[in-house]
Structures are given as C-alpha cells and as structure tokens.
C-alpha cells in the first residue's frame, strides 16, 4: 500500500495476519485490507464530500472524546471514504482513519454499522480490538 500502518495494527498483522471467519467476526488478512472507497464503494459513497457552506466537520472539543463519554453522532463523515477497511462484524465494518494520528503513529479506529447512529471511535486499533473482546465476553 506504500504507507506505514499504525503500530498496534502492524503488530497484530505480524502476530496473526487476520482473525475470525467470514460468517461472524473477521479481521482481514494483510492482503485483503483496502481503502474503503475501493473495498466497499457503497459505504464510502453514502457519506458524500461536504460542501464548504454545509461543512459536517465536528469541532475538536466534541470530536476528540473517547470512551463512555463519546457521542457516536459526533464523527467526521467527510473522513469515511479515506478510511482503511480492516474487518467486519455484526453487519458493520472496522476502519482505520489516517486523518487522525497520535504522536506514537496510531490511527484512529472506527466501527460503523447501518443500525448504529454515527461511529464508535477509538484512539487506536488496539483500543477497538480490546473493546470488542470485552463486549463479546460480557455477553
């Protein structure tokens, strides 16, 4: 792909290179990962580019809230086409957002689903994966 992937996701690929199966929860193998606009254009196109006079952008003080206090409606839809699709489960997709990076090189991670308003956002792939594991084992 010609770019450096975030550290926690890179470590996952080196260790497991994919996880799960196509019927339930699946984190894609390195060779299956792709930009959402190419991997699933229908999802990417459902968030058209905002026009300057109708910007969808959420102010930083509302956007950079993670964890239980996060409001999933407060996301930046304009980033969706540029995200990297890394997996899917429960009719949704797991994405990495290259527009938001930490000083350690982590990319923001998202979970989008048609039944969910907005996006669940995480500081990193690691945070998304740990949250999903916690939820699966709590069931």
N, C-alpha and C. Protein backbone atom coordinates (compact mmCIF):
# COMPACT_ATOMS: atom_id res chain seq x y z
N UNK A 1 0.81 -1.19 0.00
CA UNK A 1 0.00 0.00 0.00
C UNK A 1 0.86 1.26 0.00
N UNK A 2 2.13 1.10 0.28
CA UNK A 2 3.01 2.24 0.20
C UNK A 2 2.94 3.20 1.37
N UNK A 3 2.46 2.73 2.54
CA UNK A 3 2.41 3.59 3.71
C UNK A 3 2.67 2.77 4.95
N UNK A 4 3.07 3.47 5.99
CA UNK A 4 3.34 2.78 7.25
C UNK A 4 2.05 2.67 8.06
N UNK A 5 1.67 1.46 8.36
CA UNK A 5 0.46 1.21 9.14
C UNK A 5 0.71 1.55 10.61
N UNK A 6 -0.36 1.82 11.36
CA UNK A 6 -0.19 2.14 12.79
C UNK A 6 0.43 0.98 13.55
N UNK A 7 1.22 1.29 14.59
CA UNK A 7 1.96 0.25 15.32
C UNK A 7 1.11 -0.90 15.86
N UNK A 8 -0.02 -0.62 16.52
CA UNK A 8 -0.79 -1.73 17.11
C UNK A 8 -1.39 -2.62 16.03
N UNK A 9 -1.79 -2.04 14.93
CA UNK A 9 -2.34 -2.85 13.84
C UNK A 9 -1.23 -3.64 13.14
N UNK A 10 -0.09 -3.02 12.95
CA UNK A 10 1.06 -3.69 12.34
C UNK A 10 1.46 -4.90 13.18
N UNK A 11 1.50 -4.72 14.52
CA UNK A 11 1.84 -5.84 15.41
C UNK A 11 0.82 -6.97 15.31
N UNK A 12 -0.46 -6.62 15.24
CA UNK A 12 -1.49 -7.64 15.07
C UNK A 12 -1.25 -8.43 13.79
N UNK A 13 -1.00 -7.75 12.68
CA UNK A 13 -0.78 -8.45 11.41
C UNK A 13 0.46 -9.34 11.47
N UNK A 14 1.51 -8.88 12.14
CA UNK A 14 2.71 -9.71 12.27
C UNK A 14 2.45 -10.96 13.11
N UNK A 15 1.60 -10.82 14.12
CA UNK A 15 1.29 -11.94 15.00
C UNK A 15 0.26 -12.89 14.39
N UNK A 16 -0.84 -12.35 13.87
CA UNK A 16 -1.95 -13.22 13.45
C UNK A 16 -2.29 -13.12 11.97
N UNK A 17 -2.02 -12.00 11.35
CA UNK A 17 -2.40 -11.76 9.95
C UNK A 17 -3.84 -12.21 9.67
N UNK A 18 -4.76 -11.61 10.38
CA UNK A 18 -6.18 -11.93 10.20
C UNK A 18 -6.70 -12.73 11.37
N UNK A 19 -8.03 -12.70 11.50
CA UNK A 19 -8.65 -13.43 12.61
C UNK A 19 -10.12 -13.59 12.32
N UNK A 20 -10.69 -14.70 12.74
CA UNK A 20 -12.12 -14.94 12.58
C UNK A 20 -12.45 -15.56 11.24
N UNK A 21 -13.75 -15.64 10.98
CA UNK A 21 -14.19 -16.21 9.72
C UNK A 21 -15.21 -15.29 9.06
N UNK A 22 -15.58 -15.61 7.86
CA UNK A 22 -16.48 -14.76 7.10
C UNK A 22 -17.91 -14.75 7.61
N UNK A 23 -18.28 -15.66 8.50
CA UNK A 23 -19.66 -15.75 8.95
C UNK A 23 -19.97 -14.91 10.20
N UNK A 24 -18.94 -14.50 10.94
CA UNK A 24 -19.20 -13.83 12.21
C UNK A 24 -18.36 -12.57 12.33
N UNK A 25 -17.23 -12.69 12.88
CA UNK A 25 -16.32 -11.57 13.12
C UNK A 25 -15.05 -11.84 12.34
N UNK A 26 -14.64 -10.88 11.57
CA UNK A 26 -13.47 -11.11 10.73
C UNK A 26 -12.58 -9.88 10.70
N UNK A 27 -11.33 -10.05 11.09
CA UNK A 27 -10.31 -9.05 10.84
C UNK A 27 -9.52 -9.56 9.65
N UNK A 28 -9.43 -8.75 8.63
CA UNK A 28 -8.89 -9.18 7.34
C UNK A 28 -7.39 -9.44 7.39
N UNK A 29 -6.95 -10.34 6.51
CA UNK A 29 -5.53 -10.59 6.33
C UNK A 29 -4.91 -9.39 5.62
N UNK A 30 -3.61 -9.20 5.76
CA UNK A 30 -2.93 -8.03 5.19
C UNK A 30 -3.24 -7.86 3.71
N UNK A 31 -3.28 -8.94 2.96
CA UNK A 31 -3.52 -8.84 1.52
C UNK A 31 -4.98 -8.53 1.17
N UNK A 32 -5.89 -8.58 2.15
CA UNK A 32 -7.31 -8.29 1.92
C UNK A 32 -7.70 -6.87 2.34
N UNK A 33 -6.85 -6.21 3.09
CA UNK A 33 -7.13 -4.86 3.60
C UNK A 33 -7.12 -3.88 2.42
N UNK A 34 -8.02 -2.89 2.47
CA UNK A 34 -8.03 -1.90 1.41
C UNK A 34 -8.77 -0.64 1.80
N UNK A 35 -8.56 0.40 1.03
CA UNK A 35 -9.26 1.66 1.26
C UNK A 35 -10.75 1.44 1.08
N UNK A 36 -11.54 1.96 1.97
CA UNK A 36 -12.99 1.74 1.94
C UNK A 36 -13.57 2.15 0.60
N UNK A 37 -13.11 3.25 0.02
CA UNK A 37 -13.64 3.73 -1.27
C UNK A 37 -13.46 2.69 -2.38
N UNK A 38 -12.46 1.80 -2.24
CA UNK A 38 -12.22 0.73 -3.21
C UNK A 38 -12.84 -0.58 -2.77
N UNK A 39 -12.71 -0.90 -1.47
CA UNK A 39 -13.18 -2.18 -0.94
C UNK A 39 -14.69 -2.28 -0.87
N UNK A 40 -15.36 -1.19 -0.52
CA UNK A 40 -16.82 -1.18 -0.44
C UNK A 40 -17.33 0.22 -0.78
N UNK A 41 -17.34 0.54 -2.08
CA UNK A 41 -17.73 1.89 -2.51
C UNK A 41 -19.11 2.31 -2.04
N UNK A 42 -20.04 1.37 -1.87
CA UNK A 42 -21.39 1.75 -1.45
C UNK A 42 -21.38 2.40 -0.06
N UNK A 43 -20.55 1.90 0.84
CA UNK A 43 -20.44 2.51 2.17
C UNK A 43 -19.75 3.86 2.05
N UNK A 44 -18.63 3.89 1.34
CA UNK A 44 -17.87 5.13 1.21
C UNK A 44 -18.70 6.23 0.56
N UNK A 45 -19.51 5.89 -0.43
CA UNK A 45 -20.30 6.90 -1.14
C UNK A 45 -21.52 7.36 -0.35
N UNK A 46 -21.88 6.64 0.69
CA UNK A 46 -23.05 7.06 1.47
C UNK A 46 -22.74 8.29 2.32
N UNK A 47 -21.47 8.69 2.39
CA UNK A 47 -21.06 9.92 3.05
C UNK A 47 -20.38 10.80 2.01
N UNK A 48 -21.15 11.58 1.26
CA UNK A 48 -20.54 12.42 0.22
C UNK A 48 -19.68 13.52 0.84
N UNK A 49 -18.78 14.04 0.04
CA UNK A 49 -17.94 15.14 0.49
C UNK A 49 -18.82 16.32 0.87
N UNK A 50 -18.61 16.92 2.02
CA UNK A 50 -19.41 18.07 2.41
C UNK A 50 -19.05 19.30 1.58
N UNK A 51 -19.99 20.13 1.35
CA UNK A 51 -19.75 21.40 0.67
C UNK A 51 -19.29 22.41 1.72
N UNK A 52 -18.39 23.34 1.35
CA UNK A 52 -17.86 24.28 2.35
C UNK A 52 -18.95 25.02 3.13
N UNK A 53 -20.04 25.39 2.49
CA UNK A 53 -21.09 26.12 3.20
C UNK A 53 -21.90 25.23 4.13
N UNK A 54 -21.81 23.90 3.97
CA UNK A 54 -22.54 22.96 4.81
C UNK A 54 -21.58 21.96 5.46
N UNK A 55 -20.46 22.43 5.93
CA UNK A 55 -19.44 21.53 6.46
C UNK A 55 -20.00 20.66 7.58
N UNK A 56 -19.67 19.38 7.51
CA UNK A 56 -20.11 18.44 8.53
C UNK A 56 -19.12 18.37 9.68
N UNK A 57 -17.99 19.00 9.51
CA UNK A 57 -16.92 18.83 10.47
C UNK A 57 -17.36 19.17 11.89
N UNK A 58 -16.97 18.32 12.81
CA UNK A 58 -17.29 18.47 14.22
C UNK A 58 -16.11 19.18 14.89
N UNK A 59 -16.35 20.17 15.73
CA UNK A 59 -15.25 20.87 16.41
C UNK A 59 -14.40 19.89 17.24
N UNK A 60 -13.12 20.17 17.32
CA UNK A 60 -12.18 19.29 18.04
C UNK A 60 -12.63 18.98 19.46
N UNK A 61 -13.18 19.95 20.17
CA UNK A 61 -13.55 19.70 21.57
C UNK A 61 -14.68 18.67 21.70
N UNK A 62 -15.46 18.49 20.64
CA UNK A 62 -16.50 17.46 20.64
C UNK A 62 -16.02 16.19 19.96
N UNK A 63 -15.12 16.34 19.01
CA UNK A 63 -14.64 15.18 18.25
C UNK A 63 -13.70 14.29 19.07
N UNK A 64 -12.74 14.91 19.76
CA UNK A 64 -11.71 14.12 20.43
C UNK A 64 -12.13 13.69 21.83
N UNK A 65 -13.29 13.08 21.90
CA UNK A 65 -13.80 12.48 23.13
C UNK A 65 -13.93 10.99 22.86
N UNK A 66 -13.27 10.18 23.67
CA UNK A 66 -13.30 8.72 23.50
C UNK A 66 -13.85 8.09 24.78
N UNK A 67 -14.23 6.83 24.67
CA UNK A 67 -14.72 6.11 25.84
C UNK A 67 -16.20 6.35 26.07
N UNK A 68 -16.67 6.07 27.28
CA UNK A 68 -18.11 6.14 27.58
C UNK A 68 -18.72 7.53 27.35
N UNK A 69 -17.93 8.59 27.45
CA UNK A 69 -18.45 9.94 27.27
C UNK A 69 -18.65 10.31 25.80
N UNK A 70 -18.14 9.49 24.90
CA UNK A 70 -18.22 9.80 23.47
C UNK A 70 -19.67 9.76 22.98
N UNK A 71 -20.02 10.71 22.15
CA UNK A 71 -21.31 10.71 21.46
C UNK A 71 -21.04 10.24 20.03
N UNK A 72 -21.53 9.05 19.68
CA UNK A 72 -21.19 8.46 18.38
C UNK A 72 -21.66 9.30 17.19
N UNK A 73 -22.57 10.21 17.41
CA UNK A 73 -23.03 11.09 16.34
C UNK A 73 -21.95 12.12 16.00
N UNK A 74 -21.06 12.38 16.94
CA UNK A 74 -20.00 13.39 16.75
C UNK A 74 -18.79 12.75 16.06
N UNK A 75 -18.91 12.51 14.79
CA UNK A 75 -17.80 11.99 14.00
C UNK A 75 -17.71 12.83 12.73
N UNK A 76 -16.67 12.65 11.98
CA UNK A 76 -16.46 13.43 10.77
C UNK A 76 -16.70 12.55 9.54
N UNK A 77 -17.92 12.64 9.03
CA UNK A 77 -18.31 11.83 7.89
C UNK A 77 -17.45 12.05 6.67
N UNK A 78 -16.86 13.22 6.57
CA UNK A 78 -16.00 13.50 5.42
C UNK A 78 -14.75 12.62 5.38
N UNK A 79 -14.39 11.99 6.52
CA UNK A 79 -13.24 11.10 6.56
C UNK A 79 -13.55 9.69 6.04
N UNK A 80 -14.81 9.32 5.99
CA UNK A 80 -15.19 7.93 5.70
C UNK A 80 -14.55 7.37 4.43
N UNK A 81 -14.62 8.03 3.27
CA UNK A 81 -14.05 7.43 2.07
C UNK A 81 -12.55 7.13 2.16
N UNK A 82 -11.83 7.88 2.99
CA UNK A 82 -10.38 7.73 3.10
C UNK A 82 -9.95 6.72 4.15
N UNK A 83 -10.89 6.06 4.81
CA UNK A 83 -10.52 5.09 5.84
C UNK A 83 -10.07 3.77 5.23
N UNK A 84 -9.32 3.02 6.01
CA UNK A 84 -8.81 1.72 5.61
C UNK A 84 -9.71 0.65 6.22
N UNK A 85 -10.33 -0.17 5.37
CA UNK A 85 -11.21 -1.24 5.86
C UNK A 85 -10.36 -2.42 6.30
N UNK A 86 -10.48 -2.78 7.59
CA UNK A 86 -9.65 -3.86 8.14
C UNK A 86 -10.45 -5.06 8.62
N UNK A 87 -11.78 -4.95 8.65
CA UNK A 87 -12.58 -6.08 9.11
C UNK A 87 -14.04 -5.73 9.18
N UNK A 88 -14.82 -6.73 9.63
CA UNK A 88 -16.26 -6.52 9.77
C UNK A 88 -16.84 -7.51 10.77
N UNK A 89 -17.94 -7.11 11.40
CA UNK A 89 -18.72 -7.97 12.29
C UNK A 89 -20.05 -7.29 12.56
N UNK A 90 -21.03 -8.08 12.96
CA UNK A 90 -22.37 -7.58 13.29
C UNK A 90 -22.90 -6.60 12.24
N UNK A 91 -22.75 -6.93 10.97
CA UNK A 91 -23.21 -6.09 9.85
C UNK A 91 -22.50 -4.75 9.76
N UNK A 92 -21.39 -4.58 10.44
CA UNK A 92 -20.65 -3.32 10.39
C UNK A 92 -19.24 -3.54 9.90
N UNK A 93 -18.50 -2.44 9.81
CA UNK A 93 -17.12 -2.52 9.34
C UNK A 93 -16.17 -1.87 10.35
N UNK A 94 -14.96 -2.43 10.44
CA UNK A 94 -13.89 -1.87 11.25
C UNK A 94 -12.97 -1.10 10.31
N UNK A 95 -12.66 0.12 10.69
CA UNK A 95 -11.89 1.01 9.82
C UNK A 95 -10.76 1.67 10.60
N UNK A 96 -9.71 2.05 9.88
CA UNK A 96 -8.66 2.89 10.45
C UNK A 96 -8.67 4.21 9.71
N UNK A 97 -8.61 5.30 10.46
CA UNK A 97 -8.72 6.65 9.91
C UNK A 97 -7.34 7.32 9.89
N UNK A 98 -6.74 7.46 8.69
CA UNK A 98 -5.40 8.07 8.62
C UNK A 98 -5.41 9.58 8.86
N UNK A 99 -6.56 10.21 8.91
CA UNK A 99 -6.63 11.66 9.15
C UNK A 99 -6.36 12.03 10.60
N UNK A 100 -6.54 11.07 11.52
CA UNK A 100 -6.32 11.35 12.95
C UNK A 100 -5.27 10.36 13.45
N UNK A 101 -4.10 10.91 13.80
CA UNK A 101 -2.98 10.09 14.25
C UNK A 101 -2.44 10.62 15.57
N UNK A 102 -2.01 9.68 16.41
CA UNK A 102 -1.39 10.07 17.68
C UNK A 102 0.10 10.35 17.43
N UNK A 103 0.76 10.90 18.42
CA UNK A 103 2.20 11.16 18.30
C UNK A 103 2.99 9.85 18.19
N UNK A 104 2.38 8.73 18.64
CA UNK A 104 3.03 7.42 18.53
C UNK A 104 2.80 6.76 17.16
N UNK A 105 2.03 7.42 16.30
CA UNK A 105 1.77 6.87 14.97
C UNK A 105 0.50 6.05 14.86
N UNK A 106 -0.27 5.95 15.95
CA UNK A 106 -1.54 5.21 15.88
C UNK A 106 -2.56 6.00 15.07
N UNK A 107 -3.40 5.29 14.34
CA UNK A 107 -4.50 5.92 13.61
C UNK A 107 -5.78 5.70 14.41
N UNK A 108 -6.66 6.63 14.35
CA UNK A 108 -7.97 6.47 14.98
C UNK A 108 -8.66 5.27 14.34
N UNK A 109 -9.36 4.47 15.15
CA UNK A 109 -10.10 3.30 14.65
C UNK A 109 -11.59 3.56 14.79
N UNK A 110 -12.38 3.06 13.84
CA UNK A 110 -13.82 3.28 13.84
C UNK A 110 -14.55 1.96 13.68
N UNK A 111 -15.75 1.93 14.22
CA UNK A 111 -16.70 0.86 13.91
C UNK A 111 -17.97 1.53 13.40
N UNK A 112 -18.34 1.24 12.16
CA UNK A 112 -19.57 1.76 11.54
C UNK A 112 -20.52 0.60 11.27
N UNK A 113 -21.79 0.79 11.56
CA UNK A 113 -22.80 -0.23 11.26
C UNK A 113 -24.08 0.49 10.83
N UNK A 114 -24.86 -0.12 9.93
CA UNK A 114 -26.07 0.54 9.44
C UNK A 114 -27.12 0.78 10.52
N UNK A 115 -27.10 0.01 11.58
CA UNK A 115 -28.07 0.14 12.67
C UNK A 115 -27.60 1.10 13.75
N UNK A 116 -26.40 1.65 13.60
CA UNK A 116 -25.80 2.50 14.63
C UNK A 116 -25.76 3.94 14.15
N UNK A 117 -26.22 4.87 14.96
CA UNK A 117 -26.09 6.28 14.57
C UNK A 117 -24.64 6.72 14.72
N UNK A 118 -24.05 7.17 13.66
CA UNK A 118 -22.67 7.63 13.73
C UNK A 118 -21.67 6.50 13.77
N UNK A 119 -20.56 6.73 14.47
CA UNK A 119 -19.46 5.78 14.52
C UNK A 119 -18.93 5.66 15.95
N UNK A 120 -18.60 4.45 16.35
CA UNK A 120 -17.83 4.28 17.58
C UNK A 120 -16.38 4.52 17.19
N UNK A 121 -15.73 5.45 17.86
CA UNK A 121 -14.36 5.80 17.53
C UNK A 121 -13.43 5.48 18.70
N UNK A 122 -12.21 5.07 18.36
CA UNK A 122 -11.21 4.68 19.35
C UNK A 122 -9.88 5.33 18.99
N UNK A 123 -9.03 5.51 19.98
CA UNK A 123 -7.73 6.13 19.74
C UNK A 123 -6.83 5.28 18.85
N UNK A 124 -7.07 3.96 18.83
CA UNK A 124 -6.18 3.06 18.09
C UNK A 124 -6.89 1.75 17.77
N UNK A 125 -6.26 0.97 16.91
CA UNK A 125 -6.74 -0.38 16.62
C UNK A 125 -6.79 -1.20 17.91
N UNK A 126 -5.76 -1.06 18.74
CA UNK A 126 -5.71 -1.81 19.99
C UNK A 126 -6.94 -1.53 20.85
N UNK A 127 -7.31 -0.26 20.98
CA UNK A 127 -8.47 0.10 21.79
C UNK A 127 -9.76 -0.48 21.21
N UNK A 128 -9.90 -0.44 19.90
CA UNK A 128 -11.08 -1.02 19.25
C UNK A 128 -11.14 -2.53 19.50
N UNK A 129 -10.02 -3.22 19.31
CA UNK A 129 -9.98 -4.68 19.49
C UNK A 129 -10.29 -5.06 20.94
N UNK A 130 -9.72 -4.34 21.90
CA UNK A 130 -9.97 -4.65 23.31
C UNK A 130 -11.43 -4.40 23.69
N UNK A 131 -12.01 -3.34 23.17
CA UNK A 131 -13.42 -3.06 23.45
C UNK A 131 -14.32 -4.16 22.87
N UNK A 132 -14.02 -4.60 21.67
CA UNK A 132 -14.81 -5.66 21.05
C UNK A 132 -14.68 -6.96 21.84
N UNK A 133 -13.48 -7.30 22.29
CA UNK A 133 -13.30 -8.50 23.10
C UNK A 133 -14.07 -8.40 24.41
N UNK A 134 -14.01 -7.25 25.07
CA UNK A 134 -14.76 -7.06 26.33
C UNK A 134 -16.24 -7.27 26.10
N UNK A 135 -16.77 -6.71 25.02
CA UNK A 135 -18.21 -6.84 24.74
C UNK A 135 -18.59 -8.28 24.41
N UNK A 136 -17.74 -8.98 23.67
CA UNK A 136 -18.06 -10.37 23.30
C UNK A 136 -18.04 -11.29 24.52
N UNK A 137 -17.10 -11.07 25.42
CA UNK A 137 -17.03 -11.94 26.60
C UNK A 137 -18.03 -11.56 27.67
N UNK A 138 -18.57 -10.36 27.59
CA UNK A 138 -19.61 -9.93 28.55
C UNK A 138 -20.98 -10.50 28.19
N UNK A 139 -21.14 -10.97 26.98
CA UNK A 139 -22.44 -11.50 26.52
C UNK A 139 -22.76 -12.82 27.14
